[in-house]
């Protein structure tokens, strides 16, 4: 549940901010909340 939650959070904020980041780059951020995220 924490993995899906933090992944959704990071992905949502990235979409709102229109960040030119790949999923791999975003994964560096999401894993700080939950490794599996």
ModelCIF file with pLDDT and N, C-alpha, C, O atoms, coordinates in Angstrom:
data_MODEL
#
_entry.id   MODEL 
#
_entity.id                         1 
_entity.type                       polymer 
_entity.pdbx_number_of_molecules   1 
#
_entity_poly.entity_id                      1 
_entity_poly.type                           'polypeptide(L)' 
_entity_poly.nstd_linkage                   no 
_entity_poly.nstd_monomer                   no 
_entity_poly.pdbx_seq_one_letter_code       
;(UNK)(UNK)(UNK)(UNK)(UNK)(UNK)(UNK)(UNK)(UNK)(UNK)(UNK)(UNK)(UNK)(UNK)(UNK)(UNK)
(UNK)(UNK)(UNK)(UNK)(UNK)(UNK)(UNK)(UNK)(UNK)(UNK)(UNK)(UNK)(UNK)(UNK)(UNK)(UNK)
(UNK)(UNK)(UNK)(UNK)(UNK)
;
_entity_poly.pdbx_seq_one_letter_code_can   XXXXXXXXXXXXXXXXXXXXXXXXXXXXXXXXXXXXX 
_entity_poly.pdbx_strand_id                 A 
#
loop_
_entity_poly_seq.entity_id 
_entity_poly_seq.num 
_entity_poly_seq.mon_id 
_entity_poly_seq.hetero 
1 1  UNK n 
1 2  UNK n 
1 3  UNK n 
1 4  UNK n 
1 5  UNK n 
1 6  UNK n 
1 7  UNK n 
1 8  UNK n 
1 9  UNK n 
1 10 UNK n 
1 11 UNK n 
1 12 UNK n 
1 13 UNK n 
1 14 UNK n 
1 15 UNK n 
1 16 UNK n 
1 17 UNK n 
1 18 UNK n 
1 19 UNK n 
1 20 UNK n 
1 21 UNK n 
1 22 UNK n 
1 23 UNK n 
1 24 UNK n 
1 25 UNK n 
1 26 UNK n 
1 27 UNK n 
1 28 UNK n 
1 29 UNK n 
1 30 UNK n 
1 31 UNK n 
1 32 UNK n 
1 33 UNK n 
1 34 UNK n 
1 35 UNK n 
1 36 UNK n 
1 37 UNK n 
#
_struct_asym.id          A 
_struct_asym.entity_id   1 
#
loop_
_ma_qa_metric.id 
_ma_qa_metric.mode 
_ma_qa_metric.name 
_ma_qa_metric.software_group_id 
_ma_qa_metric.type 
1 global pLDDT . pLDDT 
2 local  pLDDT . pLDDT 
#
_ma_qa_metric_global.metric_id      1 
_ma_qa_metric_global.metric_value   90.54 
_ma_qa_metric_global.model_id       1 
_ma_qa_metric_global.ordinal_id     1 
#
loop_
_ma_qa_metric_local.label_asym_id 
_ma_qa_metric_local.label_comp_id 
_ma_qa_metric_local.label_seq_id 
_ma_qa_metric_local.metric_id 
_ma_qa_metric_local.metric_value 
_ma_qa_metric_local.model_id 
_ma_qa_metric_local.ordinal_id 
A UNK 1  2 79.00 1 1  
A UNK 2  2 83.00 1 2  
A UNK 3  2 87.00 1 3  
A UNK 4  2 88.00 1 4  
A UNK 5  2 89.00 1 5  
A UNK 6  2 91.00 1 6  
A UNK 7  2 93.00 1 7  
A UNK 8  2 92.00 1 8  
A UNK 9  2 93.00 1 9  
A UNK 10 2 94.00 1 10 
A UNK 11 2 95.00 1 11 
A UNK 12 2 93.00 1 12 
A UNK 13 2 93.00 1 13 
A UNK 14 2 93.00 1 14 
A UNK 15 2 93.00 1 15 
A UNK 16 2 91.00 1 16 
A UNK 17 2 90.00 1 17 
A UNK 18 2 91.00 1 18 
A UNK 19 2 90.00 1 19 
A UNK 20 2 89.00 1 20 
A UNK 21 2 91.00 1 21 
A UNK 22 2 93.00 1 22 
A UNK 23 2 94.00 1 23 
A UNK 24 2 95.00 1 24 
A UNK 25 2 94.00 1 25 
A UNK 26 2 94.00 1 26 
A UNK 27 2 95.00 1 27 
A UNK 28 2 93.00 1 28 
A UNK 29 2 92.00 1 29 
A UNK 30 2 93.00 1 30 
A UNK 31 2 91.00 1 31 
A UNK 32 2 89.00 1 32 
A UNK 33 2 86.00 1 33 
A UNK 34 2 84.00 1 34 
A UNK 35 2 85.00 1 35 
A UNK 36 2 85.00 1 36 
A UNK 37 2 89.00 1 37 
#
loop_
_atom_site.group_PDB 
_atom_site.id 
_atom_site.type_symbol 
_atom_site.label_atom_id 
_atom_site.label_alt_id 
_atom_site.label_comp_id 
_atom_site.label_asym_id 
_atom_site.label_entity_id 
_atom_site.label_seq_id 
_atom_site.pdbx_PDB_ins_code 
_atom_site.Cartn_x 
_atom_site.Cartn_y 
_atom_site.Cartn_z 
_atom_site.occupancy 
_atom_site.B_iso_or_equiv 
_atom_site.pdbx_formal_charge 
_atom_site.auth_seq_id 
_atom_site.auth_comp_id 
_atom_site.auth_asym_id 
_atom_site.auth_atom_id 
_atom_site.pdbx_PDB_model_num 
ATOM 1   N N  . UNK A 1 1  ? 0.832  -1.208 0.000   1.00 79.00 ? 1  UNK A N  1 
ATOM 2   C CA . UNK A 1 1  ? 0.000  0.000  0.000   1.00 79.00 ? 1  UNK A CA 1 
ATOM 3   C C  . UNK A 1 1  ? 0.866  1.257  0.000   1.00 79.00 ? 1  UNK A C  1 
ATOM 4   O O  . UNK A 1 1  ? 0.546  2.230  -0.682  1.00 79.00 ? 1  UNK A O  1 
ATOM 5   N N  . UNK A 1 2  ? 1.961  1.244  0.760   1.00 83.00 ? 2  UNK A N  1 
ATOM 6   C CA . UNK A 1 2  ? 2.830  2.422  0.800   1.00 83.00 ? 2  UNK A CA 1 
ATOM 7   C C  . UNK A 1 2  ? 3.535  2.601  -0.536  1.00 83.00 ? 2  UNK A C  1 
ATOM 8   O O  . UNK A 1 2  ? 3.760  3.732  -0.966  1.00 83.00 ? 2  UNK A O  1 
ATOM 9   N N  . UNK A 1 3  ? 3.889  1.500  -1.201  1.00 87.00 ? 3  UNK A N  1 
ATOM 10  C CA . UNK A 1 3  ? 4.546  1.590  -2.504  1.00 87.00 ? 3  UNK A CA 1 
ATOM 11  C C  . UNK A 1 3  ? 3.640  2.255  -3.522  1.00 87.00 ? 3  UNK A C  1 
ATOM 12  O O  . UNK A 1 3  ? 4.067  3.160  -4.239  1.00 87.00 ? 3  UNK A O  1 
ATOM 13  N N  . UNK A 1 4  ? 2.398  1.816  -3.592  1.00 88.00 ? 4  UNK A N  1 
ATOM 14  C CA . UNK A 1 4  ? 1.471  2.405  -4.558  1.00 88.00 ? 4  UNK A CA 1 
ATOM 15  C C  . UNK A 1 4  ? 1.148  3.844  -4.196  1.00 88.00 ? 4  UNK A C  1 
ATOM 16  O O  . UNK A 1 4  ? 1.005  4.696  -5.073  1.00 88.00 ? 4  UNK A O  1 
ATOM 17  N N  . UNK A 1 5  ? 1.034  4.114  -2.897  1.00 89.00 ? 5  UNK A N  1 
ATOM 18  C CA . UNK A 1 5  ? 0.699  5.469  -2.465  1.00 89.00 ? 5  UNK A CA 1 
ATOM 19  C C  . UNK A 1 5  ? 1.775  6.475  -2.786  1.00 89.00 ? 5  UNK A C  1 
ATOM 20  O O  . UNK A 1 5  ? 1.487  7.546  -3.321  1.00 89.00 ? 5  UNK A O  1 
ATOM 21  N N  . UNK A 1 6  ? 3.021  6.146  -2.465  1.00 91.00 ? 6  UNK A N  1 
ATOM 22  C CA . UNK A 1 6  ? 4.120  7.090  -2.737  1.00 91.00 ? 6  UNK A CA 1 
ATOM 23  C C  . UNK A 1 6  ? 4.394  7.208  -4.235  1.00 91.00 ? 6  UNK A C  1 
ATOM 24  O O  . UNK A 1 6  ? 4.767  8.280  -4.710  1.00 91.00 ? 6  UNK A O  1 
ATOM 25  N N  . UNK A 1 7  ? 4.215  6.122  -4.979  1.00 93.00 ? 7  UNK A N  1 
ATOM 26  C CA . UNK A 1 7  ? 4.382  6.205  -6.433  1.00 93.00 ? 7  UNK A CA 1 
ATOM 27  C C  . UNK A 1 7  ? 3.330  7.120  -7.041  1.00 93.00 ? 7  UNK A C  1 
ATOM 28  O O  . UNK A 1 7  ? 3.630  7.926  -7.923  1.00 93.00 ? 7  UNK A O  1 
ATOM 29  N N  . UNK A 1 8  ? 2.097  6.992  -6.565  1.00 92.00 ? 8  UNK A N  1 
ATOM 30  C CA . UNK A 1 8  ? 1.022  7.853  -7.063  1.00 92.00 ? 8  UNK A CA 1 
ATOM 31  C C  . UNK A 1 8  ? 1.276  9.314  -6.698  1.00 92.00 ? 8  UNK A C  1 
ATOM 32  O O  . UNK A 1 8  ? 1.031  10.212 -7.503  1.00 92.00 ? 8  UNK A O  1 
ATOM 33  N N  . UNK A 1 9  ? 1.765  9.545  -5.486  1.00 93.00 ? 9  UNK A N  1 
ATOM 34  C CA . UNK A 1 9  ? 2.052  10.909 -5.035  1.00 93.00 ? 9  UNK A CA 1 
ATOM 35  C C  . UNK A 1 9  ? 3.122  11.558 -5.911  1.00 93.00 ? 9  UNK A C  1 
ATOM 36  O O  . UNK A 1 9  ? 2.930  12.667 -6.411  1.00 93.00 ? 9  UNK A O  1 
ATOM 37  N N  . UNK A 1 10 ? 4.245  10.868 -6.096  1.00 94.00 ? 10 UNK A N  1 
ATOM 38  C CA . UNK A 1 10 ? 5.344  11.432 -6.886  1.00 94.00 ? 10 UNK A CA 1 
ATOM 39  C C  . UNK A 1 10 ? 4.917  11.616 -8.337  1.00 94.00 ? 10 UNK A C  1 
ATOM 40  O O  . UNK A 1 10 ? 5.217  12.643 -8.944  1.00 94.00 ? 10 UNK A O  1 
ATOM 41  N N  . UNK A 1 11 ? 4.222  10.634 -8.895  1.00 95.00 ? 11 UNK A N  1 
ATOM 42  C CA . UNK A 1 11 ? 3.779  10.724 -10.280 1.00 95.00 ? 11 UNK A CA 1 
ATOM 43  C C  . UNK A 1 11 ? 2.791  11.872 -10.486 1.00 95.00 ? 11 UNK A C  1 
ATOM 44  O O  . UNK A 1 11 ? 2.848  12.572 -11.497 1.00 95.00 ? 11 UNK A O  1 
ATOM 45  N N  . UNK A 1 12 ? 1.888  12.062 -9.524  1.00 93.00 ? 12 UNK A N  1 
ATOM 46  C CA . UNK A 1 12 ? 0.891  13.135 -9.621  1.00 93.00 ? 12 UNK A CA 1 
ATOM 47  C C  . UNK A 1 12 ? 1.538  14.517 -9.579  1.00 93.00 ? 12 UNK A C  1 
ATOM 48  O O  . UNK A 1 12 ? 1.213  15.395 -10.378 1.00 93.00 ? 12 UNK A O  1 
ATOM 49  N N  . UNK A 1 13 ? 2.458  14.691 -8.634  1.00 93.00 ? 13 UNK A N  1 
ATOM 50  C CA . UNK A 1 13 ? 3.128  15.983 -8.510  1.00 93.00 ? 13 UNK A CA 1 
ATOM 51  C C  . UNK A 1 13 ? 3.979  16.256 -9.752  1.00 93.00 ? 13 UNK A C  1 
ATOM 52  O O  . UNK A 1 13 ? 4.042  17.390 -10.226 1.00 93.00 ? 13 UNK A O  1 
ATOM 53  N N  . UNK A 1 14 ? 4.630  15.222 -10.274 1.00 93.00 ? 14 UNK A N  1 
ATOM 54  C CA . UNK A 1 14 ? 5.447  15.386 -11.484 1.00 93.00 ? 14 UNK A CA 1 
ATOM 55  C C  . UNK A 1 14 ? 4.576  15.789 -12.666 1.00 93.00 ? 14 UNK A C  1 
ATOM 56  O O  . UNK A 1 14 ? 4.978  16.620 -13.480 1.00 93.00 ? 14 UNK A O  1 
ATOM 57  N N  . UNK A 1 15 ? 3.381  15.201 -12.767 1.00 93.00 ? 15 UNK A N  1 
ATOM 58  C CA . UNK A 1 15 ? 2.461  15.552 -13.857 1.00 93.00 ? 15 UNK A CA 1 
ATOM 59  C C  . UNK A 1 15 ? 1.953  16.981 -13.696 1.00 93.00 ? 15 UNK A C  1 
ATOM 60  O O  . UNK A 1 15 ? 1.868  17.725 -14.673 1.00 93.00 ? 15 UNK A O  1 
ATOM 61  N N  . UNK A 1 16 ? 1.615  17.367 -12.464 1.00 91.00 ? 16 UNK A N  1 
ATOM 62  C CA . UNK A 1 16 ? 1.151  18.736 -12.196 1.00 91.00 ? 16 UNK A CA 1 
ATOM 63  C C  . UNK A 1 16 ? 2.229  19.751 -12.552 1.00 91.00 ? 16 UNK A C  1 
ATOM 64  O O  . UNK A 1 16 ? 1.945  20.784 -13.158 1.00 91.00 ? 16 UNK A O  1 
ATOM 65  N N  . UNK A 1 17 ? 3.458  19.453 -12.173 1.00 90.00 ? 17 UNK A N  1 
ATOM 66  C CA . UNK A 1 17 ? 4.570  20.372 -12.408 1.00 90.00 ? 17 UNK A CA 1 
ATOM 67  C C  . UNK A 1 17 ? 5.176  20.262 -13.811 1.00 90.00 ? 17 UNK A C  1 
ATOM 68  O O  . UNK A 1 17 ? 6.064  21.031 -14.177 1.00 90.00 ? 17 UNK A O  1 
ATOM 69  N N  . UNK A 1 18 ? 4.682  19.295 -14.590 1.00 91.00 ? 18 UNK A N  1 
ATOM 70  C CA . UNK A 1 18 ? 5.182  19.079 -15.955 1.00 91.00 ? 18 UNK A CA 1 
ATOM 71  C C  . UNK A 1 18 ? 6.706  18.886 -15.970 1.00 91.00 ? 18 UNK A C  1 
ATOM 72  O O  . UNK A 1 18 ? 7.434  19.504 -16.746 1.00 91.00 ? 18 UNK A O  1 
ATOM 73  N N  . UNK A 1 19 ? 7.140  18.010 -15.087 1.00 90.00 ? 19 UNK A N  1 
ATOM 74  C CA . UNK A 1 19 ? 8.576  17.765 -14.974 1.00 90.00 ? 19 UNK A CA 1 
ATOM 75  C C  . UNK A 1 19 ? 9.059  16.868 -16.114 1.00 90.00 ? 19 UNK A C  1 
ATOM 76  O O  . UNK A 1 19 ? 8.443  15.838 -16.389 1.00 90.00 ? 19 UNK A O  1 
ATOM 77  N N  . UNK A 1 20 ? 10.144 17.242 -16.772 1.00 89.00 ? 20 UNK A N  1 
ATOM 78  C CA . UNK A 1 20 ? 10.705 16.418 -17.852 1.00 89.00 ? 20 UNK A CA 1 
ATOM 79  C C  . UNK A 1 20 ? 11.556 15.290 -17.282 1.00 89.00 ? 20 UNK A C  1 
ATOM 80  O O  . UNK A 1 20 ? 12.748 15.192 -17.574 1.00 89.00 ? 20 UNK A O  1 
ATOM 81  N N  . UNK A 1 21 ? 10.937 14.438 -16.465 1.00 91.00 ? 21 UNK A N  1 
ATOM 82  C CA . UNK A 1 21 ? 11.681 13.379 -15.784 1.00 91.00 ? 21 UNK A CA 1 
ATOM 83  C C  . UNK A 1 21 ? 11.163 12.015 -16.224 1.00 91.00 ? 21 UNK A C  1 
ATOM 84  O O  . UNK A 1 21 ? 9.964  11.838 -16.442 1.00 91.00 ? 21 UNK A O  1 
ATOM 85  N N  . UNK A 1 22 ? 12.059 11.065 -16.352 1.00 93.00 ? 22 UNK A N  1 
ATOM 86  C CA . UNK A 1 22 ? 11.692 9.703  -16.698 1.00 93.00 ? 22 UNK A CA 1 
ATOM 87  C C  . UNK A 1 22 ? 11.196 8.973  -15.447 1.00 93.00 ? 22 UNK A C  1 
ATOM 88  O O  . UNK A 1 22 ? 11.464 9.415  -14.329 1.00 93.00 ? 22 UNK A O  1 
ATOM 89  N N  . UNK A 1 23 ? 10.479 7.863  -15.622 1.00 94.00 ? 23 UNK A N  1 
ATOM 90  C CA . UNK A 1 23 ? 10.082 7.076  -14.450 1.00 94.00 ? 23 UNK A CA 1 
ATOM 91  C C  . UNK A 1 23 ? 11.271 6.652  -13.592 1.00 94.00 ? 23 UNK A C  1 
ATOM 92  O O  . UNK A 1 23 ? 11.159 6.605  -12.367 1.00 94.00 ? 23 UNK A O  1 
ATOM 93  N N  . UNK A 1 24 ? 12.402 6.343  -14.214 1.00 95.00 ? 24 UNK A N  1 
ATOM 94  C CA . UNK A 1 24 ? 13.588 5.970  -13.431 1.00 95.00 ? 24 UNK A CA 1 
ATOM 95  C C  . UNK A 1 24 ? 14.060 7.129  -12.560 1.00 95.00 ? 24 UNK A C  1 
ATOM 96  O O  . UNK A 1 24 ? 14.436 6.933  -11.404 1.00 95.00 ? 24 UNK A O  1 
ATOM 97  N N  . UNK A 1 25 ? 14.038 8.340  -13.123 1.00 94.00 ? 25 UNK A N  1 
ATOM 98  C CA . UNK A 1 25 ? 14.440 9.518  -12.342 1.00 94.00 ? 25 UNK A CA 1 
ATOM 99  C C  . UNK A 1 25 ? 13.466 9.787  -11.200 1.00 94.00 ? 25 UNK A C  1 
ATOM 100 O O  . UNK A 1 25 ? 13.873 10.136 -10.092 1.00 94.00 ? 25 UNK A O  1 
ATOM 101 N N  . UNK A 1 26 ? 12.171 9.621  -11.483 1.00 94.00 ? 26 UNK A N  1 
ATOM 102 C CA . UNK A 1 26 ? 11.173 9.821  -10.433 1.00 94.00 ? 26 UNK A CA 1 
ATOM 103 C C  . UNK A 1 26 ? 11.271 8.744  -9.354  1.00 94.00 ? 26 UNK A C  1 
ATOM 104 O O  . UNK A 1 26 ? 10.925 8.981  -8.197  1.00 94.00 ? 26 UNK A O  1 
ATOM 105 N N  . UNK A 1 27 ? 11.745 7.563  -9.741  1.00 95.00 ? 27 UNK A N  1 
ATOM 106 C CA . UNK A 1 27 ? 11.856 6.476  -8.764  1.00 95.00 ? 27 UNK A CA 1 
ATOM 107 C C  . UNK A 1 27 ? 12.867 6.809  -7.674  1.00 95.00 ? 27 UNK A C  1 
ATOM 108 O O  . UNK A 1 27 ? 12.749 6.313  -6.554  1.00 95.00 ? 27 UNK A O  1 
ATOM 109 N N  . UNK A 1 28 ? 13.865 7.645  -7.984  1.00 93.00 ? 28 UNK A N  1 
ATOM 110 C CA . UNK A 1 28 ? 14.831 8.072  -6.980  1.00 93.00 ? 28 UNK A CA 1 
ATOM 111 C C  . UNK A 1 28 ? 14.149 8.865  -5.866  1.00 93.00 ? 28 UNK A C  1 
ATOM 112 O O  . UNK A 1 28 ? 14.566 8.827  -4.708  1.00 93.00 ? 28 UNK A O  1 
ATOM 113 N N  . UNK A 1 29 ? 13.083 9.589  -6.248  1.00 92.00 ? 29 UNK A N  1 
ATOM 114 C CA . UNK A 1 29 ? 12.347 10.377 -5.254  1.00 92.00 ? 29 UNK A CA 1 
ATOM 115 C C  . UNK A 1 29 ? 11.377 9.486  -4.490  1.00 92.00 ? 29 UNK A C  1 
ATOM 116 O O  . UNK A 1 29 ? 11.315 9.541  -3.262  1.00 92.00 ? 29 UNK A O  1 
ATOM 117 N N  . UNK A 1 30 ? 10.617 8.665  -5.215  1.00 93.00 ? 30 UNK A N  1 
ATOM 118 C CA . UNK A 1 30 ? 9.562  7.872  -4.574  1.00 93.00 ? 30 UNK A CA 1 
ATOM 119 C C  . UNK A 1 30 ? 10.127 6.880  -3.558  1.00 93.00 ? 30 UNK A C  1 
ATOM 120 O O  . UNK A 1 30 ? 9.484  6.604  -2.545  1.00 93.00 ? 30 UNK A O  1 
ATOM 121 N N  . UNK A 1 31 ? 11.324 6.341  -3.816  1.00 91.00 ? 31 UNK A N  1 
ATOM 122 C CA . UNK A 1 31 ? 11.860 5.337  -2.896  1.00 91.00 ? 31 UNK A CA 1 
ATOM 123 C C  . UNK A 1 31 ? 12.285 5.933  -1.563  1.00 91.00 ? 31 UNK A C  1 
ATOM 124 O O  . UNK A 1 31 ? 12.546 5.195  -0.613  1.00 91.00 ? 31 UNK A O  1 
ATOM 125 N N  . UNK A 1 32 ? 12.360 7.272  -1.478  1.00 89.00 ? 32 UNK A N  1 
ATOM 126 C CA . UNK A 1 32 ? 12.661 7.893  -0.190  1.00 89.00 ? 32 UNK A CA 1 
ATOM 127 C C  . UNK A 1 32 ? 11.474 7.780  0.768   1.00 89.00 ? 32 UNK A C  1 
ATOM 128 O O  . UNK A 1 32 ? 11.636 7.828  1.987   1.00 89.00 ? 32 UNK A O  1 
ATOM 129 N N  . UNK A 1 33 ? 10.272 7.629  0.189   1.00 86.00 ? 33 UNK A N  1 
ATOM 130 C CA . UNK A 1 33 ? 9.090  7.413  1.022   1.00 86.00 ? 33 UNK A CA 1 
ATOM 131 C C  . UNK A 1 33 ? 8.879  5.941  1.316   1.00 86.00 ? 33 UNK A C  1 
ATOM 132 O O  . UNK A 1 33 ? 8.547  5.557  2.438   1.00 86.00 ? 33 UNK A O  1 
ATOM 133 N N  . UNK A 1 34 ? 9.078  5.122  0.291   1.00 84.00 ? 34 UNK A N  1 
ATOM 134 C CA . UNK A 1 34 ? 8.951  3.673  0.429   1.00 84.00 ? 34 UNK A CA 1 
ATOM 135 C C  . UNK A 1 34 ? 9.851  3.044  -0.626  1.00 84.00 ? 34 UNK A C  1 
ATOM 136 O O  . UNK A 1 34 ? 9.725  3.346  -1.812  1.00 84.00 ? 34 UNK A O  1 
ATOM 137 N N  . UNK A 1 35 ? 10.754 2.174  -0.200  1.00 85.00 ? 35 UNK A N  1 
ATOM 138 C CA . UNK A 1 35 ? 11.685 1.578  -1.149  1.00 85.00 ? 35 UNK A CA 1 
ATOM 139 C C  . UNK A 1 35 ? 10.987 0.934  -2.332  1.00 85.00 ? 35 UNK A C  1 
ATOM 140 O O  . UNK A 1 35 ? 11.383 1.141  -3.479  1.00 85.00 ? 35 UNK A O  1 
ATOM 141 N N  . UNK A 1 36 ? 9.951  0.154  -2.060  1.00 85.00 ? 36 UNK A N  1 
ATOM 142 C CA . UNK A 1 36 ? 9.244  -0.546 -3.131  1.00 85.00 ? 36 UNK A CA 1 
ATOM 143 C C  . UNK A 1 36 ? 8.505  0.396  -4.068  1.00 85.00 ? 36 UNK A C  1 
ATOM 144 O O  . UNK A 1 36 ? 8.143  0.003  -5.177  1.00 85.00 ? 36 UNK A O  1 
ATOM 145 N N  . UNK A 1 37 ? 8.277  1.630  -3.642  1.00 89.00 ? 37 UNK A N  1 
ATOM 146 C CA . UNK A 1 37 ? 7.556  2.585  -4.485  1.00 89.00 ? 37 UNK A CA 1 
ATOM 147 C C  . UNK A 1 37 ? 8.292  2.867  -5.780  1.00 89.00 ? 37 UNK A C  1 
ATOM 148 O O  . UNK A 1 37 ? 7.818  3.652  -6.601  1.00 89.00 ? 37 UNK A O  1 
#
